[in-house]
C-alpha atoms as a PDB file:
ATOM      1  CA  MET A   1       0.000   0.000   0.000  1.00  0.00           C
ATOM      2  CA  ASN A   2       2.837   2.407   0.823  1.00  0.00           C
ATOM      3  CA  LYS A   3       4.361   1.803  -2.605  1.00  0.00           C
ATOM      4  CA  LEU A   4       0.990   2.518  -4.214  1.00  0.00           C
ATOM      5  CA  LEU A   5       0.673   5.819  -2.334  1.00  0.00           C
ATOM      6  CA  VAL A   6       4.166   6.827  -3.391  1.00  0.00           C
ATOM      7  CA  MET A   7       3.251   6.095  -6.999  1.00  0.00           C
ATOM      8  CA  ILE A   8       0.040   8.117  -6.710  1.00  0.00           C
ATOM      9  CA  PHE A   9       1.889  11.163  -5.418  1.00  0.00           C
ATOM     10  CA  ALA A  10       4.573  10.774  -8.078  1.00  0.00           C
ATOM     11  CA  VAL A  11       2.012  10.589 -10.858  1.00  0.00           C
ATOM     12  CA  LEU A  12       0.088  13.488  -9.342  1.00  0.00           C
ATOM     13  CA  ALA A  13       3.238  15.577  -9.542  1.00  0.00           C
ATOM     14  CA  VAL A  14       3.540  14.756 -13.230  1.00  0.00           C
ATOM     15  CA  PHE A  15      -0.117  15.319 -14.021  1.00  0.00           C
ATOM     16  CA  THR A  16      -0.520  18.565 -12.094  1.00  0.00           C
ATOM     17  CA  ILE A  17      -2.510  21.127 -14.055  1.00  0.00           C
ATOM     18  CA  TRP A  18       0.218  23.611 -14.959  1.00  0.00           C
ATOM     19  CA  GLY A  19      -0.850  27.250 -14.960  1.00  0.00           C
ATOM     20  CA  CYS A  20      -0.045  28.064 -18.559  1.00  0.00           C
ATOM     21  CA  ALA A  21      -2.489  28.276 -21.428  1.00  0.00           C
ATOM     22  CA  THR A  22      -1.500  26.638 -24.682  1.00  0.00           C
ATOM     23  CA  LEU A  23      -2.810  27.762 -28.027  1.00  0.00           C
ATOM     24  CA  GLU A  24      -3.636  24.290 -29.292  1.00  0.00           C
ATOM     25  CA  GLU A  25      -7.340  24.459 -28.471  1.00  0.00           C
ATOM     26  CA  PRO A  26      -9.596  26.227 -31.020  1.00  0.00           C
ATOM     27  CA  GLY A  27     -11.498  29.336 -30.087  1.00  0.00           C
ATOM     28  CA  PHE A  28     -11.221  32.065 -27.483  1.00  0.00           C
ATOM     29  CA  LEU A  29     -13.741  33.519 -25.098  1.00  0.00           C
ATOM     30  CA  VAL A  30     -14.499  36.914 -26.637  1.00  0.00           C
ATOM     31  CA  GLU A  31     -17.428  38.208 -24.633  1.00  0.00           C
ATOM     32  CA  GLY A  32     -18.488  38.398 -21.022  1.00  0.00           C
ATOM     33  CA  PRO A  33     -18.306  40.762 -18.051  1.00  0.00           C
ATOM     34  CA  THR A  34     -15.714  41.173 -15.347  1.00  0.00           C
ATOM     35  CA  LEU A  35     -16.686  38.875 -12.469  1.00  0.00           C
ATOM     36  CA  LEU A  36     -16.601  40.669  -9.104  1.00  0.00           C
ATOM     37  CA  ARG A  37     -16.446  38.924  -5.730  1.00  0.00           C
ATOM     38  CA  PRO A  38     -17.916  40.476  -2.543  1.00  0.00           C
ATOM     39  CA  ALA A  39     -14.400  41.323  -1.327  1.00  0.00           C
ATOM     40  CA  ALA A  40     -14.052  43.723  -4.279  1.00  0.00           C
ATOM     41  CA  ARG A  41     -16.346  46.172  -2.460  1.00  0.00           C
ATOM     42  CA  GLU A  42     -13.276  47.547  -0.692  1.00  0.00           C
ATOM     43  CA  LEU A  43     -12.111  48.935  -4.045  1.00  0.00           C
ATOM     44  CA  LEU A  44     -15.380  50.580  -5.063  1.00  0.00           C
ATOM     45  CA  GLY A  45     -14.529  54.204  -5.787  1.00  0.00           C
ATOM     46  CA  ALA A  46     -10.859  53.739  -4.855  1.00  0.00           C
ATOM     47  CA  LYS A  47      -8.206  55.785  -6.599  1.00  0.00           C
ATOM     48  CA  SER A  48      -5.903  54.138  -9.093  1.00  0.00           C
ATOM     49  CA  GLU A  49      -2.895  54.614  -6.803  1.00  0.00           C
ATOM     50  CA  ASP A  50      -4.711  52.663  -4.080  1.00  0.00           C
ATOM     51  CA  LEU A  51      -4.563  49.561  -6.272  1.00  0.00           C
ATOM     52  CA  LEU A  52      -1.366  49.685  -8.294  1.00  0.00           C
ATOM     53  CA  VAL A  53       1.897  51.571  -8.647  1.00  0.00           C
ATOM     54  CA  GLU A  54       2.778  53.034 -12.036  1.00  0.00           C
ATOM     55  CA  THR A  55       5.914  54.372 -13.655  1.00  0.00           C
ATOM     56  CA  LYS A  56       6.467  56.619 -16.671  1.00  0.00           C
ATOM     57  CA  ASN A  57       9.903  55.063 -17.175  1.00  0.00           C
ATOM     58  CA  THR A  58       8.806  52.131 -19.349  1.00  0.00           C
ATOM     59  CA  VAL A  59      11.657  52.091 -21.860  1.00  0.00           C
ATOM     60  CA  ALA A  60      14.879  54.076 -22.031  1.00  0.00           C
ATOM     61  CA  ASP A  61      17.870  54.460 -24.303  1.00  0.00           C
ATOM     62  CA  MET A  62      20.422  53.068 -21.899  1.00  0.00           C
ATOM     63  CA  PRO A  63      23.815  51.433 -22.341  1.00  0.00           C
ATOM     64  CA  PHE A  64      23.492  47.663 -22.290  1.00  0.00           C
ATOM     65  CA  HIS A  65      26.043  46.342 -19.839  1.00  0.00           C
ATOM     66  CA  THR A  66      26.611  42.732 -18.875  1.00  0.00           C
ATOM     67  CA  GLN A  67      24.893  43.002 -15.492  1.00  0.00           C
ATOM     68  CA  LEU A  68      21.749  44.872 -16.604  1.00  0.00           C
ATOM     69  CA  ILE A  69      19.425  41.876 -16.916  1.00  0.00           C
ATOM     70  CA  ARG A  70      20.804  40.529 -13.666  1.00  0.00           C
ATOM     71  CA  GLN A  71      20.015  43.816 -11.925  1.00  0.00           C
ATOM     72  CA  VAL A  72      16.435  43.912 -13.276  1.00  0.00           C
ATOM     73  CA  ALA A  73      15.910  40.281 -12.245  1.00  0.00           C
ATOM     74  CA  GLU A  74      17.270  41.046  -8.775  1.00  0.00           C
ATOM     75  CA  LYS A  75      14.880  43.977  -8.317  1.00  0.00           C
ATOM     76  CA  SER A  76      11.888  41.924  -9.441  1.00  0.00           C
ATOM     77  CA  LYS A  77      12.410  38.729  -7.464  1.00  0.00           C
ATOM     78  CA  ARG A  78      10.672  39.782  -4.230  1.00  0.00           C
ATOM     79  CA  ALA A  79       7.594  40.998  -6.113  1.00  0.00           C
ATOM     80  CA  VAL A  80       6.909  37.755  -7.986  1.00  0.00           C
ATOM     81  CA  VAL A  81       5.052  34.902  -6.290  1.00  0.00           C
ATOM     82  CA  SER A  82       4.341  31.255  -7.044  1.00  0.00           C
ATOM     83  CA  ILE A  83       0.654  30.347  -6.911  1.00  0.00           C
ATOM     84  CA  TYR A  84      -0.649  26.928  -5.879  1.00  0.00           C
ATOM     85  CA  VAL A  85      -4.314  26.008  -6.155  1.00  0.00           C
ATOM     86  CA  GLN A  86      -6.512  23.128  -5.074  1.00  0.00           C
ATOM     87  CA  THR A  87      -9.710  22.375  -6.963  1.00  0.00           C
ATOM     88  CA  LYS A  88     -12.759  20.276  -6.189  1.00  0.00           C
ATOM     89  CA  THR A  89     -12.642  18.439  -9.524  1.00  0.00           C
ATOM     90  CA  PRO A  90     -10.839  15.067  -9.280  1.00  0.00           C
ATOM     91  CA  TYR A  91      -8.590  13.865 -12.073  1.00  0.00           C
ATOM     92  CA  ARG A  92      -8.560  10.217 -13.077  1.00  0.00           C
ATOM     93  CA  ILE A  93      -5.206   8.756 -14.059  1.00  0.00           C
ATOM     94  CA  ARG A  94      -3.963   5.289 -14.907  1.00  0.00           C
ATOM     95  CA  LEU A  95      -1.238   3.704 -12.827  1.00  0.00           C
ATOM     96  CA  ILE A  96       1.106   1.081 -14.282  1.00  0.00           C
ATOM     97  CA  PRO A  97      -0.339   1.406 -17.825  1.00  0.00           C
ATOM     98  CA  LYS A  98       1.902  -1.309 -19.289  1.00  0.00           C
ATOM     99  CA  ILE A  99       0.651  -4.047 -16.943  1.00  0.00           C
ATOM    100  CA  GLY A 100      -2.743  -5.286 -18.009  1.00  0.00           C
ATOM    101  CA  LYS A 101      -5.424  -2.627 -17.898  1.00  0.00           C
ATOM    102  CA  GLY A 102      -3.738  -0.758 -15.083  1.00  0.00           C
ATOM    103  CA  ILE A 103      -5.262   0.545 -11.870  1.00  0.00           C
ATOM    104  CA  ARG A 104      -7.423   3.636 -12.200  1.00  0.00           C
ATOM    105  CA  VAL A 105      -7.442   6.120  -9.318  1.00  0.00           C
ATOM    106  CA  SER A 106      -8.874   9.580  -8.703  1.00  0.00           C
ATOM    107  CA  VAL A 107      -6.638  12.287  -7.292  1.00  0.00           C
ATOM    108  CA  PRO A 108      -7.561  15.822  -6.195  1.00  0.00           C
ATOM    109  CA  GLY A 109      -7.236  18.521  -8.823  1.00  0.00           C
ATOM    110  CA  ALA A 110      -4.137  20.617  -8.309  1.00  0.00           C
ATOM    111  CA  GLY A 111      -2.421  23.343 -10.253  1.00  0.00           C
ATOM    112  CA  LEU A 112       0.175  26.037 -10.161  1.00  0.00           C
ATOM    113  CA  GLY A 113       1.052  29.325 -11.775  1.00  0.00           C
ATOM    114  CA  SER A 114       2.648  32.680 -11.105  1.00  0.00           C
ATOM    115  CA  GLY A 115       1.636  36.177 -10.050  1.00  0.00           C
ATOM    116  CA  PHE A 116       3.122  39.450  -8.859  1.00  0.00           C
ATOM    117  CA  PHE A 117       2.422  42.261  -6.413  1.00  0.00           C
ATOM    118  CA  ILE A 118       1.129  45.481  -7.977  1.00  0.00           C
ATOM    119  CA  HIS A 119       0.612  47.385  -4.689  1.00  0.00           C
ATOM    120  CA  PRO A 120       2.403  47.247  -1.301  1.00  0.00           C
ATOM    121  CA  SER A 121      -0.860  46.462   0.507  1.00  0.00           C
ATOM    122  CA  GLY A 122      -0.932  42.974  -1.028  1.00  0.00           C
ATOM    123  CA  TYR A 123      -2.809  43.141  -4.345  1.00  0.00           C
ATOM    124  CA  ILE A 124      -1.616  40.454  -6.755  1.00  0.00           C
ATOM    125  CA  LEU A 125      -2.191  40.127 -10.480  1.00  0.00           C
ATOM    126  CA  THR A 126      -2.345  36.754 -12.259  1.00  0.00           C
ATOM    127  CA  ASN A 127      -4.235  34.946 -15.034  1.00  0.00           C
ATOM    128  CA  ASN A 128      -7.843  33.888 -14.656  1.00  0.00           C
ATOM    129  CA  HIS A 129      -7.027  30.389 -15.925  1.00  0.00           C
ATOM    130  CA  VAL A 130      -4.503  29.940 -13.097  1.00  0.00           C
ATOM    131  CA  ILE A 131      -7.129  30.297 -10.345  1.00  0.00           C
ATOM    132  CA  GLN A 132     -10.391  29.422 -12.098  1.00  0.00           C
ATOM    133  CA  GLY A 133     -12.318  26.797 -10.155  1.00  0.00           C
ATOM    134  CA  ALA A 134      -9.934  26.966  -7.207  1.00  0.00           C
ATOM    135  CA  GLU A 135     -11.245  25.923  -3.810  1.00  0.00           C
ATOM    136  CA  GLU A 136      -8.095  27.103  -2.065  1.00  0.00           C
ATOM    137  CA  ILE A 137      -5.264  29.347  -3.237  1.00  0.00           C
ATOM    138  CA  MET A 138      -1.851  29.724  -1.637  1.00  0.00           C
ATOM    139  CA  VAL A 139       0.898  32.082  -2.784  1.00  0.00           C
ATOM    140  CA  LEU A 140       4.535  31.564  -1.960  1.00  0.00           C
ATOM    141  CA  THR A 141       7.003  34.449  -1.946  1.00  0.00           C
ATOM    142  CA  ARG A 142      10.623  34.279  -3.064  1.00  0.00           C
ATOM    143  CA  GLU A 143      11.611  34.106   0.619  1.00  0.00           C
ATOM    144  CA  GLY A 144       9.455  31.006   1.081  1.00  0.00           C
ATOM    145  CA  THR A 145       6.623  32.622   3.069  1.00  0.00           C
ATOM    146  CA  GLY A 146       3.159  31.300   2.254  1.00  0.00           C
ATOM    147  CA  TYR A 147      -0.056  33.331   2.324  1.00  0.00           C
ATOM    148  CA  LYS A 148      -3.693  32.568   1.686  1.00  0.00           C
ATOM    149  CA  VAL A 149      -5.441  34.974  -0.670  1.00  0.00           C
ATOM    150  CA  ASP A 150      -8.923  36.131  -1.596  1.00  0.00           C
ATOM    151  CA  VAL A 151     -10.095  36.447  -5.194  1.00  0.00           C
ATOM    152  CA  LEU A 152     -11.471  39.962  -5.665  1.00  0.00           C
ATOM    153  CA  ALA A 153     -12.272  39.855  -9.368  1.00  0.00           C
ATOM    154  CA  ARG A 154     -11.513  37.961 -12.536  1.00  0.00           C
ATOM    155  CA  ASP A 155     -12.010  38.524 -16.243  1.00  0.00           C
ATOM    156  CA  PRO A 156     -12.379  35.362 -18.370  1.00  0.00           C
ATOM    157  CA  VAL A 157     -12.100  37.374 -21.613  1.00  0.00           C
ATOM    158  CA  PHE A 158      -8.855  39.199 -20.804  1.00  0.00           C
ATOM    159  CA  ASP A 159      -7.735  36.150 -18.754  1.00  0.00           C
ATOM    160  CA  LEU A 160      -6.916  38.277 -15.703  1.00  0.00           C
ATOM    161  CA  ALA A 161      -7.539  37.882 -11.981  1.00  0.00           C
ATOM    162  CA  LEU A 162      -7.006  40.202  -9.011  1.00  0.00           C
ATOM    163  CA  LEU A 163      -6.070  38.622  -5.681  1.00  0.00           C
ATOM    164  CA  LYS A 164      -5.468  40.079  -2.225  1.00  0.00           C
ATOM    165  CA  ILE A 165      -3.326  38.712   0.601  1.00  0.00           C
ATOM    166  CA  ARG A 166      -5.645  37.714   3.431  1.00  0.00           C
ATOM    167  CA  GLY A 167      -5.281  39.255   6.889  1.00  0.00           C
ATOM    168  CA  SER A 168      -1.793  40.749   6.601  1.00  0.00           C
ATOM    169  CA  GLN A 169      -0.667  44.294   7.374  1.00  0.00           C
ATOM    170  CA  GLN A 170       2.753  43.717   5.844  1.00  0.00           C
ATOM    171  CA  LYS A 171       4.028  45.979   3.063  1.00  0.00           C
ATOM    172  CA  PHE A 172       5.090  43.935   0.047  1.00  0.00           C
ATOM    173  CA  SER A 173       7.679  44.602  -2.651  1.00  0.00           C
ATOM    174  CA  ILE A 174       6.035  45.553  -5.928  1.00  0.00           C
ATOM    175  CA  LEU A 175       6.708  45.985  -9.620  1.00  0.00           C
ATOM    176  CA  PRO A 176       5.576  49.303 -11.149  1.00  0.00           C
ATOM    177  CA  MET A 177       3.292  49.181 -14.172  1.00  0.00           C
ATOM    178  CA  GLY A 178       4.690  50.592 -17.412  1.00  0.00           C
ATOM    179  CA  ASP A 179       2.937  51.612 -20.618  1.00  0.00           C
ATOM    180  CA  ALA A 180       2.546  48.717 -23.052  1.00  0.00           C
ATOM    181  CA  GLU A 181       1.882  51.238 -25.809  1.00  0.00           C
ATOM    182  CA  ALA A 182       5.446  52.545 -25.362  1.00  0.00           C
ATOM    183  CA  VAL A 183       7.184  49.265 -26.243  1.00  0.00           C
ATOM    184  CA  GLY A 184       7.938  48.134 -29.766  1.00  0.00           C
ATOM    185  CA  VAL A 185       9.322  45.228 -31.731  1.00  0.00           C
ATOM    186  CA  GLY A 186      12.909  44.542 -30.701  1.00  0.00           C
ATOM    187  CA  ASP A 187      12.686  45.957 -27.169  1.00  0.00           C
ATOM    188  CA  GLN A 188      14.343  43.618 -24.690  1.00  0.00           C
ATOM    189  CA  VAL A 189      12.272  42.063 -21.904  1.00  0.00           C
ATOM    190  CA  ILE A 190      12.495  39.400 -19.232  1.00  0.00           C
ATOM    191  CA  ALA A 191       9.826  37.037 -17.942  1.00  0.00           C
ATOM    192  CA  VAL A 192       9.716  35.845 -14.333  1.00  0.00           C
ATOM    193  CA  GLY A 193       7.624  32.954 -13.079  1.00  0.00           C
ATOM    194  CA  ASN A 194       7.283  29.486 -11.581  1.00  0.00           C
ATOM    195  CA  PRO A 195       7.737  27.097 -14.536  1.00  0.00           C
ATOM    196  CA  LEU A 196       6.982  23.426 -13.794  1.00  0.00           C
ATOM    197  CA  GLY A 197       6.924  24.281 -10.087  1.00  0.00           C
ATOM    198  CA  LEU A 198      10.660  24.930 -10.062  1.00  0.00           C
ATOM    199  CA  GLY A 199      10.179  28.297  -8.391  1.00  0.00           C
ATOM    200  CA  HIS A 200      11.521  31.744  -9.231  1.00  0.00           C
ATOM    201  CA  THR A 201      12.909  31.536 -12.782  1.00  0.00           C
ATOM    202  CA  VAL A 202      14.026  34.280 -15.177  1.00  0.00           C
ATOM    203  CA  THR A 203      14.071  34.079 -18.991  1.00  0.00           C
ATOM    204  CA  ALA A 204      15.048  36.836 -21.445  1.00  0.00           C
ATOM    205  CA  GLY A 205      14.203  37.838 -25.010  1.00  0.00           C
ATOM    206  CA  ILE A 206      12.620  40.580 -27.060  1.00  0.00           C
ATOM    207  CA  ILE A 207       9.199  41.882 -28.042  1.00  0.00           C
ATOM    208  CA  SER A 208       8.397  40.027 -31.275  1.00  0.00           C
ATOM    209  CA  GLN A 209       5.176  41.895 -32.101  1.00  0.00           C
ATOM    210  CA  THR A 210       2.400  43.891 -30.431  1.00  0.00           C
ATOM    211  CA  GLY A 211      -1.363  44.025 -30.864  1.00  0.00           C
ATOM    212  CA  ARG A 212      -1.757  40.382 -31.867  1.00  0.00           C
ATOM    213  CA  ASN A 213      -5.429  39.435 -32.285  1.00  0.00           C
ATOM    214  CA  LEU A 214      -5.714  35.667 -31.845  1.00  0.00           C
ATOM    215  CA  SER A 215      -9.482  35.530 -31.356  1.00  0.00           C
ATOM    216  CA  GLY A 216     -10.443  35.946 -35.004  1.00  0.00           C
ATOM    217  CA  VAL A 217     -12.985  38.677 -34.219  1.00  0.00           C
ATOM    218  CA  SER A 218     -12.766  42.440 -34.519  1.00  0.00           C
ATOM    219  CA  SER A 219     -12.985  44.842 -31.592  1.00  0.00           C
ATOM    220  CA  GLU A 220     -16.339  46.012 -32.998  1.00  0.00           C
ATOM    221  CA  GLU A 221     -17.725  42.485 -32.653  1.00  0.00           C
ATOM    222  CA  ALA A 222     -16.482  41.667 -29.153  1.00  0.00           C
ATOM    223  CA  ARG A 223     -13.696  42.131 -26.657  1.00  0.00           C
ATOM    224  CA  HIS A 224     -10.403  40.425 -27.289  1.00  0.00           C
ATOM    225  CA  ILE A 225      -6.837  40.534 -26.031  1.00  0.00           C
ATOM    226  CA  ARG A 226      -4.334  42.600 -28.018  1.00  0.00           C
ATOM    227  CA  PHE A 227      -1.486  40.256 -27.141  1.00  0.00           C
ATOM    228  CA  ILE A 228       2.159  41.192 -26.811  1.00  0.00           C
ATOM    229  CA  GLN A 229       4.148  38.496 -28.616  1.00  0.00           C
ATOM    230  CA  THR A 230       7.579  37.630 -27.271  1.00  0.00           C
ATOM    231  CA  ASP A 231      10.331  35.081 -27.838  1.00  0.00           C
ATOM    232  CA  THR A 232      11.021  35.084 -24.104  1.00  0.00           C
ATOM    233  CA  ALA A 233      10.408  31.540 -22.874  1.00  0.00           C
ATOM    234  CA  ILE A 234       6.968  31.158 -21.238  1.00  0.00           C
ATOM    235  CA  ASN A 235       6.667  27.628 -19.891  1.00  0.00           C
ATOM    236  CA  PRO A 236       3.876  25.749 -18.078  1.00  0.00           C
ATOM    237  CA  GLY A 237       3.594  27.310 -14.629  1.00  0.00           C
ATOM    238  CA  SER A 238       4.842  30.714 -15.845  1.00  0.00           C
ATOM    239  CA  SER A 239       1.312  31.975 -16.531  1.00  0.00           C
ATOM    240  CA  GLY A 240       0.435  35.049 -14.509  1.00  0.00           C
ATOM    241  CA  GLY A 241       4.018  36.222 -14.131  1.00  0.00           C
ATOM    242  CA  PRO A 242       5.212  39.624 -15.348  1.00  0.00           C
ATOM    243  CA  LEU A 243       6.836  40.591 -18.640  1.00  0.00           C
ATOM    244  CA  ILE A 244       9.354  43.265 -17.635  1.00  0.00           C
ATOM    245  CA  THR A 245      11.350  45.842 -19.579  1.00  0.00           C
ATOM    246  CA  LEU A 246      14.955  46.677 -18.766  1.00  0.00           C
ATOM    247  CA  THR A 247      13.855  49.711 -16.762  1.00  0.00           C
ATOM    248  CA  GLY A 248      12.110  47.339 -14.326  1.00  0.00           C
ATOM    249  CA  ALA A 249       8.556  48.183 -15.454  1.00  0.00           C
ATOM    250  CA  TRP A 250       6.077  45.393 -16.157  1.00  0.00           C
ATOM    251  CA  ILE A 251       4.212  45.826 -19.429  1.00  0.00           C
ATOM    252  CA  GLY A 252       2.401  42.501 -19.696  1.00  0.00           C
ATOM    253  CA  VAL A 253       1.053  39.425 -17.913  1.00  0.00           C
ATOM    254  CA  ASN A 254       2.537  36.237 -19.370  1.00  0.00           C
ATOM    255  CA  THR A 255      -0.362  34.080 -20.492  1.00  0.00           C
ATOM    256  CA  ALA A 256       0.201  31.529 -23.243  1.00  0.00           C
ATOM    257  CA  GLY A 257       2.665  29.697 -25.431  1.00  0.00           C
ATOM    258  CA  VAL A 258       2.407  27.825 -28.729  1.00  0.00           C
ATOM    259  CA  VAL A 259       3.275  24.192 -28.070  1.00  0.00           C
ATOM    260  CA  GLU A 260       4.230  23.387 -31.663  1.00  0.00           C
ATOM    261  CA  ALA A 261       6.505  26.417 -32.040  1.00  0.00           C
ATOM    262  CA  GLN A 262       9.892  27.565 -30.841  1.00  0.00           C
ATOM    263  CA  SER A 263       9.858  30.614 -28.564  1.00  0.00           C
ATOM    264  CA  ILE A 264       6.436  32.064 -29.385  1.00  0.00           C
ATOM    265  CA  GLY A 265       4.688  33.320 -26.276  1.00  0.00           C
ATOM    266  CA  PHE A 266       1.990  35.862 -25.526  1.00  0.00           C
ATOM    267  CA  GLY A 267       1.125  38.274 -22.740  1.00  0.00           C
ATOM    268  CA  VAL A 268      -1.835  40.511 -21.883  1.00  0.00           C
ATOM    269  CA  PRO A 269      -0.663  44.142 -22.255  1.00  0.00           C
ATOM    270  CA  SER A 270      -0.734  46.512 -19.294  1.00  0.00           C
ATOM    271  CA  SER A 271      -3.148  48.780 -21.179  1.00  0.00           C
ATOM    272  CA  GLN A 272      -5.809  46.068 -20.989  1.00  0.00           C
ATOM    273  CA  VAL A 273      -4.914  45.266 -17.387  1.00  0.00           C
ATOM    274  CA  ARG A 274      -5.750  48.910 -16.658  1.00  0.00           C
ATOM    275  CA  GLU A 275      -9.161  48.461 -18.329  1.00  0.00           C
ATOM    276  CA  PHE A 276      -9.810  45.467 -16.080  1.00  0.00           C
ATOM    277  CA  LEU A 277      -8.711  47.243 -12.883  1.00  0.00           C
ATOM    278  CA  ASP A 278     -10.709  50.378 -13.770  1.00  0.00           C
ATOM    279  CA  GLU A 279     -13.856  48.249 -14.060  1.00  0.00           C
ATOM    280  CA  VAL A 280     -13.117  46.688 -10.672  1.00  0.00           C
ATOM    281  CA  ARG A 281     -12.717  50.130  -9.052  1.00  0.00           C
ATOM    282  CA  ALA A 282     -15.944  51.272 -10.689  1.00  0.00           C
ATOM    283  CA  GLY A 283     -17.830  48.184  -9.477  1.00  0.00           C
ATOM    284  CA  LYS A 284     -18.745  47.152 -13.005  1.00  0.00           C
ATOM    285  CA  GLY A 285     -19.341  43.459 -13.520  1.00  0.00           C
END
């Protein structure tokens, strides 16, 4: 029995639902409101600076020295968190598939992803698909401290979710929001996240394109994400982490990767994150 339990946990680790969308499934959700939870009442009528910190220093013509990416990664590490979720839905897997018909077992749904602090009071941004259906959510900081969080709001169309650390008066390290409209093709960026549950991981690349419409519908027909495309590696578990310029400003939320391609990833631009947060502050949804 002990060996069977060990095998179950091992297989569970392999079959965990990684928090990273892949663009292999047809169709995108292109319409629907922002979904507000009761806890979002605390933000009704709040000022923008009560929810996130911004910077006007999104990109800059700076000398590229060998330690620049290292310095940006160092500044960002305390603001990025790993997110672990538990869901009610069980997942059925097959143990020992090569021996007869195998033994079928059900294991609790589990998943992981990434997120980052956008305000010192404990507001965290991540993807909706990372926390959707979660019964319990735990975030883990770079220092290894775990916190439970409340879901304040989520947007299935923009694939965004706003979380808040529960019951803590601590001031958290944050990343300032930059202007996604200020970046262009060729600008260098880094992505930070929790790929495959390995913990804080940094990858680097460039902006490959902006304004990508992957939904197949026009903005007149319905809402859709104007994705930032990047060749920065975005792996399973990296979803919800920040896409950061070399000034240390985040300009996107890493969301998806193309499984059949090499280094094609996508993020939700900060301009659309602002739309989402403005609706939350206005109580729309």
